[in-house]
Amino acid sequence: MPASEISRSDDLRRENQRRILAALRVSSPQSRTELSAETGLSASTVTTITSALLERGFLVEAAQGASADAAQQQSRRGRPQVALALNPAAATIGAVTVTLNQLSVSLIDYSGNVIGETRVRVDTQHLAREAFSGRLATLLQGFVDANRSTAGPLSQIVVAVQGASDSAGTSLQWSPITPHREIAIGTELQSHFGVPAQVENDANMMASALHADEPWRFGDSFATILLSHGIGMGMYVKDRMFTGILTSAAEFGHMCHLPGGSLCRCGRHGCIEAYAGDYGIWRNATGSSADTVPDQDFDPDTMAGLARRARAGDSKACEAYRMAGEAIGHGLRSLFALLDPMPVAFVGSGASAFDLMEPMIRKSLGQRGVGLSYEDPRLYCYPNDFELTRRGTIVTALNALDRNLQIVHEARELENAG
């Protein structure tokens, strides 16, 4: 058989395997009959693939009567259906989140359940370049060692970061949480643990979570905008994650809102973030200089207090949120002009004050000019950005692992043989 045909055959088997595993991630356990109906694959294909996955330990036979198909078995003659489920002990993934002054590590089993999670406070602005990846490795290694007796082998790592990663997912290119650039987090973690490690933008991970968990709302094209200390964006266009040519991030927060305007953390003036990020809102509400960036990590309680002032009628606080809404609205108008209107999910602590920004966002989108008007956009709010980020890293890591199960299995066989 020509090499090209072998390659196509391998790709087809890998894709069929991915479809079966994806179906089990949505609903597990399922019988082979149910999997055939769900995936559209023939019964023989499902049997061949699931038998191999059972043999390798990635699937297990579930308890009798566990699948939805079991209810019909009482009236059937012949061999009873066997329900199949993902084997939690087959593998473990490391889901790592790096935000301003905080590192978080979660261990997830192969069926998607959280084994454990830990968070530590770290001064990310003053953490040395050479210590950055080392600190993550030490934290993750300690957690892996503590759960070694009950967890499956560590097989995949995904790191979500505030900022932009390279398109290959190997390094952090730039982030407002650290003065260092081009930190090879993925490369160094992969070298330390001997398993694939990828670095992803946090807003992209939030978009991945919504795409996986709410496909009826965020299934094709949509944007996820992080409203927090900074402003980030993740986006799907025609059912595919949008990335830049060289980096991961769609830098919505660093689109220009007012040329020569307020100073942004990135060093430029007039960015959307300079008005809609926590520090921008606080700066405008307190009358602080527009030419300085507050050297302060604004906690949710501080921003909640500012929002209460605005709702109570404080004119400066009201104006600060109005300016934030205007900046976001103008940015969305530019985005919609390029890509057409789409649903938008606002995520993060700033979404708790969305009512103070929404009128100006909608007004900015609805203004008629030479071009189109984007009235009545579909806008949604999700205040808990951490849970969405972690969920997105889990989805991304498990999908990557499922795509490469043959490689993982072969690597384990070589390790055991050695």
Protein backbone atom coordinates (compact mmCIF):
# COMPACT_ATOMS: atom_id res chain seq x y z
CA MET A 1 0.00 0.00 0.00
CA PRO A 2 1.42 3.45 -0.92
CA ALA A 3 2.54 5.63 1.99
CA SER A 4 -0.09 8.26 1.14
CA GLU A 5 -2.88 5.68 1.42
CA ILE A 6 -1.50 4.41 4.74
CA SER A 7 -1.43 7.97 6.01
CA ARG A 8 -5.04 8.56 4.94
CA SER A 9 -6.10 5.27 6.54
CA ASP A 10 -4.37 6.19 9.81
CA ASP A 11 -5.97 9.63 9.77
CA LEU A 12 -9.41 8.08 9.23
CA ARG A 13 -8.95 5.65 12.12
CA ARG A 14 -7.75 8.47 14.36
CA GLU A 15 -10.74 10.63 13.41
CA ASN A 16 -13.20 7.77 14.02
CA GLN A 17 -11.58 7.12 17.39
CA ARG A 18 -11.87 10.82 18.25
CA ARG A 19 -15.59 10.80 17.37
CA ILE A 20 -16.27 7.84 19.64
CA LEU A 21 -14.36 9.38 22.55
CA ALA A 22 -16.09 12.73 21.99
CA ALA A 23 -19.48 11.01 22.15
CA LEU A 24 -18.52 9.35 25.44
CA ARG A 25 -17.38 12.70 26.85
CA VAL A 26 -20.84 14.11 26.17
CA SER A 27 -22.70 11.09 27.55
CA SER A 28 -21.13 8.13 29.33
CA PRO A 29 -21.63 5.21 29.55
CA GLN A 30 -23.06 4.14 26.19
CA SER A 31 -23.47 0.81 24.47
CA ARG A 32 -21.83 0.10 21.13
CA THR A 33 -25.24 0.37 19.49
CA GLU A 34 -25.74 3.82 20.98
CA LEU A 35 -22.26 4.90 19.93
CA SER A 36 -22.94 3.76 16.38
CA ALA A 37 -26.15 5.79 16.28
CA GLU A 38 -24.51 8.82 17.90
CA THR A 39 -21.43 8.93 15.67
CA GLY A 40 -22.87 7.60 12.42
CA LEU A 41 -20.12 4.98 12.28
CA SER A 42 -20.86 1.39 11.33
CA ALA A 43 -21.30 -1.21 14.05
CA SER A 44 -18.16 -3.03 12.91
CA THR A 45 -16.07 0.17 13.05
CA VAL A 46 -17.33 0.97 16.54
CA THR A 47 -16.62 -2.59 17.70
CA THR A 48 -13.08 -2.55 16.29
CA ILE A 49 -12.15 0.80 17.82
CA THR A 50 -13.77 0.25 21.22
CA SER A 51 -12.18 -3.20 21.51
CA ALA A 52 -8.76 -1.62 21.00
CA LEU A 53 -9.51 1.11 23.53
CA LEU A 54 -10.68 -1.49 26.05
CA GLU A 55 -7.52 -3.52 25.53
CA ARG A 56 -5.33 -0.44 26.07
CA GLY A 57 -7.23 0.53 29.21
CA PHE A 58 -8.77 3.79 28.01
CA LEU A 59 -12.31 2.38 28.21
CA VAL A 60 -13.95 0.11 30.75
CA GLU A 61 -17.15 -1.91 30.77
CA ALA A 62 -19.71 -0.14 32.93
CA ALA A 63 -22.17 -1.75 35.29
CA GLN A 64 -25.00 -3.68 33.68
CA GLY A 65 -27.95 -1.39 32.94
CA ALA A 66 -25.89 1.80 33.15
CA SER A 67 -26.53 2.98 29.60
CA ALA A 68 -29.74 4.42 28.19
CA ASP A 69 -29.93 1.42 25.89
CA ALA A 70 -30.38 -0.86 28.89
CA ALA A 71 -34.05 0.01 29.28
CA GLN A 72 -34.77 -1.64 25.95
CA GLN A 73 -32.78 -4.78 26.70
CA GLN A 74 -35.50 -6.41 28.76
CA SER A 75 -37.60 -6.89 25.63
CA ARG A 76 -34.69 -8.07 23.47
CA ARG A 77 -33.53 -11.59 22.82
CA GLY A 78 -29.91 -12.60 22.42
CA ARG A 79 -26.70 -11.25 23.84
CA PRO A 80 -27.20 -8.25 26.18
CA GLN A 81 -25.64 -4.91 25.31
CA VAL A 82 -22.50 -3.93 27.22
CA ALA A 83 -22.18 -0.30 28.29
CA LEU A 84 -18.79 1.35 27.79
CA ALA A 85 -17.34 4.25 29.76
CA LEU A 86 -14.13 6.24 29.91
CA ASN A 87 -11.63 4.81 32.38
CA PRO A 88 -10.80 7.54 34.94
CA ALA A 89 -7.50 5.85 35.82
CA ALA A 90 -6.27 5.69 32.22
CA ALA A 91 -4.55 9.06 32.37
CA THR A 92 -4.26 12.29 34.33
CA ILE A 93 -3.95 15.79 32.92
CA GLY A 94 -2.51 18.89 34.53
CA ALA A 95 -4.64 22.02 34.10
CA VAL A 96 -2.58 25.07 35.06
CA THR A 97 -3.81 28.66 35.26
CA VAL A 98 -1.46 31.63 35.55
CA THR A 99 -3.03 34.98 36.44
CA LEU A 100 -1.81 38.18 38.06
CA ASN A 101 -0.12 37.15 41.33
CA GLN A 102 -1.70 33.69 41.40
CA LEU A 103 -0.81 30.20 40.17
CA SER A 104 -3.39 27.41 40.11
CA VAL A 105 -2.89 23.72 39.39
CA SER A 106 -5.64 21.11 38.97
CA LEU A 107 -5.30 17.39 38.35
CA ILE A 108 -8.04 15.88 36.20
CA ASP A 109 -8.70 12.19 35.55
CA TYR A 110 -9.35 10.79 32.08
CA SER A 111 -13.13 10.96 32.47
CA GLY A 112 -12.91 14.70 33.21
CA ASN A 113 -13.34 14.66 37.00
CA VAL A 114 -11.27 16.98 39.18
CA ILE A 115 -8.92 14.96 41.40
CA GLY A 116 -7.69 17.99 43.29
CA GLU A 117 -6.80 21.65 42.95
CA THR A 118 -4.43 24.07 44.67
CA ARG A 119 -3.78 27.80 44.36
CA VAL A 120 -0.83 29.83 45.58
CA ARG A 121 -0.13 33.56 45.69
CA VAL A 122 3.00 34.58 43.82
CA ASP A 123 4.33 38.04 42.99
CA THR A 124 4.33 37.44 39.24
CA GLN A 125 5.61 40.93 38.47
CA HIS A 126 8.87 40.22 40.31
CA LEU A 127 9.27 36.50 39.61
CA ALA A 128 12.56 35.92 37.76
CA ARG A 129 12.36 34.59 34.21
CA GLU A 130 14.33 31.44 35.06
CA ALA A 131 12.07 30.80 38.07
CA PHE A 132 8.77 31.11 36.20
CA SER A 133 8.53 27.65 34.64
CA GLY A 134 10.39 26.13 37.59
CA ARG A 135 7.78 27.40 40.02
CA LEU A 136 5.00 25.87 37.92
CA ALA A 137 6.88 22.57 37.60
CA THR A 138 7.50 22.37 41.35
CA LEU A 139 3.85 23.07 42.14
CA LEU A 140 2.57 20.53 39.62
CA GLN A 141 5.17 17.90 40.56
CA GLY A 142 4.24 18.12 44.23
CA PHE A 143 0.58 17.65 43.39
CA VAL A 144 1.31 14.71 41.07
CA ASP A 145 3.47 13.02 43.73
CA ALA A 146 0.78 13.49 46.39
CA ASN A 147 -1.81 11.74 44.19
CA ARG A 148 0.42 9.13 42.56
CA SER A 149 -1.17 6.16 44.34
CA THR A 150 -4.70 6.93 43.12
CA ALA A 151 -4.30 8.91 39.89
CA GLY A 152 -3.42 7.64 36.44
CA PRO A 153 -0.15 8.58 34.74
CA LEU A 154 0.31 12.26 33.91
CA SER A 155 -0.20 12.41 30.14
CA GLN A 156 -0.97 16.00 29.10
CA ILE A 157 -0.47 19.54 30.45
CA VAL A 158 -2.23 22.73 29.39
CA VAL A 159 -1.26 26.13 30.82
CA ALA A 160 -3.71 29.03 30.50
CA VAL A 161 -2.09 32.46 30.77
CA GLN A 162 -3.15 36.08 30.69
CA GLY A 163 -1.46 37.30 27.55
CA ALA A 164 -0.37 35.90 24.20
CA SER A 165 1.28 32.56 23.52
CA ASP A 166 3.02 31.66 20.28
CA SER A 167 0.94 29.90 17.65
CA ALA A 168 2.66 26.58 18.41
CA GLY A 169 1.62 26.80 22.06
CA THR A 170 5.14 26.44 23.43
CA SER A 171 5.83 29.81 25.05
CA LEU A 172 4.34 32.90 26.66
CA GLN A 173 5.14 35.74 24.26
CA TRP A 174 3.86 38.67 26.29
CA SER A 175 1.74 39.15 29.39
CA PRO A 176 0.80 42.07 31.62
CA ILE A 177 1.45 39.89 34.68
CA THR A 178 5.23 39.74 34.10
CA PRO A 179 7.87 42.04 32.60
CA HIS A 180 9.51 39.08 30.84
CA ARG A 181 8.82 38.10 27.24
CA GLU A 182 9.11 34.81 25.37
CA ILE A 183 9.11 32.51 28.40
CA ALA A 184 9.32 28.91 27.15
CA ILE A 185 6.81 27.53 29.66
CA GLY A 186 5.49 24.74 27.44
CA THR A 187 8.91 23.61 26.27
CA GLU A 188 10.32 23.56 29.79
CA LEU A 189 7.36 21.74 31.34
CA GLN A 190 7.44 19.16 28.56
CA SER A 191 11.14 18.60 29.21
CA HIS A 192 10.56 18.26 32.97
CA PHE A 193 7.59 15.86 32.85
CA GLY A 194 8.18 14.09 29.54
CA VAL A 195 4.59 14.67 28.34
CA PRO A 196 3.09 17.17 25.88
CA ALA A 197 2.60 20.64 27.38
CA GLN A 198 0.94 23.55 25.63
CA VAL A 199 0.46 27.22 26.53
CA GLU A 200 -2.87 28.86 25.71
CA ASN A 201 -4.43 32.30 26.11
CA ASP A 202 -6.89 32.34 29.02
CA ALA A 203 -9.70 33.99 27.06
CA ASN A 204 -9.35 31.29 24.40
CA MET A 205 -9.81 28.70 27.14
CA MET A 206 -12.99 30.42 28.31
CA ALA A 207 -14.27 30.29 24.74
CA SER A 208 -13.37 26.57 24.55
CA ALA A 209 -15.40 25.89 27.69
CA LEU A 210 -18.50 27.67 26.40
CA HIS A 211 -18.17 26.03 22.98
CA ALA A 212 -18.06 22.59 24.61
CA ASP A 213 -20.71 23.08 27.30
CA GLU A 214 -23.26 25.40 25.63
CA PRO A 215 -23.11 24.57 21.90
CA TRP A 216 -26.74 25.65 21.39
CA ARG A 217 -25.65 29.21 22.26
CA PHE A 218 -21.95 29.23 21.41
CA GLY A 219 -21.69 26.60 18.71
CA ASP A 220 -20.53 28.32 15.52
CA SER A 221 -19.25 31.90 15.73
CA PHE A 222 -19.04 33.92 18.95
CA ALA A 223 -16.71 36.05 21.04
CA THR A 224 -15.75 35.76 24.70
CA ILE A 225 -14.54 38.99 26.31
CA LEU A 226 -12.76 38.92 29.67
CA LEU A 227 -13.65 41.88 31.90
CA SER A 228 -11.12 41.90 34.72
CA HIS A 229 -7.89 43.69 35.58
CA GLY A 230 -7.24 43.42 31.85
CA ILE A 231 -9.45 42.95 28.81
CA GLY A 232 -9.00 39.80 26.73
CA MET A 233 -10.89 38.03 23.98
CA GLY A 234 -11.30 34.48 22.71
CA MET A 235 -13.29 33.85 19.57
CA TYR A 236 -14.69 31.06 17.42
CA VAL A 237 -15.31 31.75 13.73
CA LYS A 238 -17.28 29.12 11.82
CA ASP A 239 -16.74 26.50 14.51
CA ARG A 240 -12.96 27.01 14.73
CA MET A 241 -10.91 28.80 17.36
CA PHE A 242 -9.57 32.07 15.97
CA THR A 243 -5.84 32.66 16.42
CA GLY A 244 -3.41 35.19 15.08
CA ILE A 245 -0.80 34.50 12.42
CA LEU A 246 2.03 34.31 14.94
CA THR A 247 0.33 34.29 18.34
CA SER A 248 -2.72 32.89 20.09
CA ALA A 249 -4.55 35.98 21.16
CA ALA A 250 -7.13 38.26 19.59
CA GLU A 251 -6.07 41.40 21.49
CA PHE A 252 -9.45 43.11 21.74
CA GLY A 253 -8.33 45.02 24.83
CA HIS A 254 -5.45 46.60 22.93
CA MET A 255 -7.46 47.82 19.97
CA CYS A 256 -7.30 51.62 19.84
CA HIS A 257 -10.37 53.37 21.25
CA LEU A 258 -9.10 56.96 21.50
CA PRO A 259 -5.80 57.86 19.78
CA GLY A 260 -3.52 59.56 22.29
CA GLY A 261 -5.91 58.72 25.13
CA SER A 262 -5.31 57.19 28.56
CA LEU A 263 -2.19 55.10 29.22
CA CYS A 264 -2.61 51.32 28.96
CA ARG A 265 -0.55 48.67 30.74
CA CYS A 266 0.90 47.69 27.36
CA GLY A 267 2.60 51.09 27.11
CA ARG A 268 0.37 52.51 24.39
CA HIS A 269 -2.26 55.19 24.79
CA GLY A 270 -5.99 54.93 24.13
CA CYS A 271 -6.52 51.14 24.24
CA ILE A 272 -9.95 49.75 25.12
CA GLU A 273 -8.41 48.23 28.25
CA ALA A 274 -7.25 51.66 29.46
CA TYR A 275 -10.95 52.52 29.91
CA ALA A 276 -12.65 49.15 30.52
CA GLY A 277 -10.07 47.23 32.58
CA ASP A 278 -10.44 47.36 36.37
CA TYR A 279 -7.56 49.80 36.69
CA GLY A 280 -9.00 52.04 33.97
CA ILE A 281 -12.43 52.18 35.62
CA TRP A 282 -10.86 52.83 39.03
CA ARG A 283 -8.59 55.52 37.56
CA ASN A 284 -11.49 57.40 36.01
CA ALA A 285 -13.75 56.98 39.04
CA THR A 286 -11.12 58.37 41.43
CA GLY A 287 -9.89 61.16 39.17
CA SER A 288 -6.35 59.71 39.00
CA SER A 289 -3.93 60.73 36.27
CA ALA A 290 -4.66 59.22 32.86
CA ASP A 291 -0.91 59.07 32.23
CA THR A 292 -0.11 56.57 34.98
CA VAL A 293 -1.17 52.95 35.45
CA PRO A 294 -2.03 52.11 39.08
CA ASP A 295 0.53 49.67 40.51
CA GLN A 296 -2.19 47.73 42.26
CA ASP A 297 -4.06 44.44 41.96
CA PHE A 298 -7.72 45.42 42.33
CA ASP A 299 -9.58 42.63 44.11
CA PRO A 300 -13.25 41.88 43.35
CA ASP A 301 -14.39 43.49 46.62
CA THR A 302 -12.79 46.81 45.67
CA MET A 303 -14.48 46.80 42.27
CA ALA A 304 -17.79 45.67 43.79
CA GLY A 305 -17.63 48.68 46.11
CA LEU A 306 -17.03 50.96 43.13
CA ALA A 307 -20.03 49.46 41.34
CA ARG A 308 -22.20 50.05 44.42
CA ARG A 309 -21.15 53.70 44.39
CA ALA A 310 -22.21 53.97 40.75
CA ARG A 311 -25.58 52.34 41.42
CA ALA A 312 -26.06 54.76 44.32
CA GLY A 313 -25.61 57.68 41.94
CA ASP A 314 -21.96 58.67 42.43
CA SER A 315 -21.35 60.81 39.33
CA LYS A 316 -17.65 59.97 38.90
CA ALA A 317 -18.25 56.23 39.28
CA CYS A 318 -21.19 56.38 36.87
CA GLU A 319 -19.07 58.23 34.32
CA ALA A 320 -16.25 55.70 34.67
CA TYR A 321 -18.57 52.81 33.84
CA ARG A 322 -20.18 54.82 31.03
CA MET A 323 -16.72 55.35 29.51
CA ALA A 324 -15.96 51.64 29.88
CA GLY A 325 -19.17 50.71 28.09
CA GLU A 326 -18.43 53.19 25.32
CA ALA A 327 -14.95 51.73 24.75
CA ILE A 328 -16.28 48.15 24.66
CA GLY A 329 -19.19 49.11 22.40
CA HIS A 330 -16.96 50.88 19.89
CA GLY A 331 -14.61 47.90 19.89
CA LEU A 332 -17.46 45.48 19.22
CA ARG A 333 -18.73 47.72 16.45
CA SER A 334 -15.34 47.46 14.73
CA LEU A 335 -15.27 43.69 15.30
CA PHE A 336 -18.76 43.25 13.85
CA ALA A 337 -17.82 45.40 10.84
CA LEU A 338 -15.06 42.90 10.05
CA LEU A 339 -16.79 39.61 10.89
CA ASP A 340 -20.55 40.38 11.15
CA PRO A 341 -22.55 40.32 14.42
CA MET A 342 -22.16 37.32 16.71
CA PRO A 343 -23.10 36.38 20.28
CA VAL A 344 -20.78 37.80 22.92
CA ALA A 345 -20.08 36.31 26.36
CA PHE A 346 -18.71 38.74 28.95
CA VAL A 347 -16.67 36.81 31.50
CA GLY A 348 -14.97 37.77 34.75
CA SER A 349 -15.51 39.92 37.80
CA GLY A 350 -16.31 42.92 35.60
CA ALA A 351 -19.40 41.11 34.31
CA SER A 352 -20.94 41.66 37.76
CA ALA A 353 -21.13 45.36 36.87
CA PHE A 354 -22.36 44.76 33.34
CA ASP A 355 -25.62 46.58 34.06
CA LEU A 356 -23.61 49.79 34.45
CA MET A 357 -21.91 49.38 31.06
CA GLU A 358 -24.62 47.72 28.99
CA PRO A 359 -26.63 50.84 28.06
CA MET A 360 -23.57 52.50 26.50
CA ILE A 361 -22.46 49.26 24.82
CA ARG A 362 -25.84 48.91 23.14
CA LYS A 363 -25.97 52.61 22.28
CA SER A 364 -22.53 52.44 20.64
CA LEU A 365 -23.54 49.39 18.63
CA GLY A 366 -26.88 50.87 17.62
CA GLN A 367 -25.58 54.21 16.33
CA ARG A 368 -26.37 54.58 12.64
CA GLY A 369 -23.79 55.94 10.26
CA VAL A 370 -22.64 55.18 6.76
CA GLY A 371 -22.32 51.49 7.58
CA LEU A 372 -24.62 48.97 9.21
CA SER A 373 -26.26 49.28 12.61
CA TYR A 374 -25.86 46.33 14.99
CA GLU A 375 -28.97 46.59 17.12
CA ASP A 376 -30.12 44.03 19.69
CA PRO A 377 -26.87 42.02 19.96
CA ARG A 378 -26.97 38.78 21.95
CA LEU A 379 -24.94 39.50 25.09
CA TYR A 380 -24.41 37.08 28.02
CA CYS A 381 -22.60 37.32 31.35
CA TYR A 382 -20.47 34.77 33.26
CA PRO A 383 -18.81 36.37 36.34
CA ASN A 384 -16.71 33.32 37.33
CA ASP A 385 -13.75 33.50 34.95
CA PHE A 386 -11.60 31.03 36.91
CA GLU A 387 -14.04 28.13 36.55
CA LEU A 388 -14.47 28.78 32.83
CA THR A 389 -10.71 29.03 32.32
CA ARG A 390 -10.11 25.76 34.16
CA ARG A 391 -12.93 24.06 32.30
CA GLY A 392 -11.42 25.25 29.00
CA THR A 393 -7.99 23.88 29.87
CA ILE A 394 -9.61 20.54 30.75
CA VAL A 395 -11.50 20.40 27.45
CA THR A 396 -8.39 21.39 25.49
CA ALA A 397 -6.13 18.89 27.26
CA LEU A 398 -8.56 15.97 26.96
CA ASN A 399 -9.18 16.70 23.27
CA ALA A 400 -5.43 16.80 22.63
CA LEU A 401 -4.97 13.55 24.53
CA ASP A 402 -7.80 11.85 22.65
CA ARG A 403 -6.27 12.85 19.31
CA ASN A 404 -2.94 11.30 20.27
CA LEU A 405 -3.94 8.13 22.15
CA GLN A 406 -2.01 5.86 19.76
CA ILE A 407 1.15 7.88 20.37
CA VAL A 408 0.55 7.85 24.12
CA HIS A 409 0.00 4.07 24.13
CA GLU A 410 3.15 3.41 22.11
CA ALA A 411 5.21 5.67 24.39
CA ARG A 412 3.98 3.78 27.47
CA GLU A 413 4.85 0.44 25.87
CA LEU A 414 8.38 1.66 25.17
CA GLU A 415 8.68 2.95 28.74
CA ASN A 416 7.49 -0.36 30.19
CA ALA A 417 9.81 -2.31 27.89
CA GLY A 418 12.77 -0.21 29.03
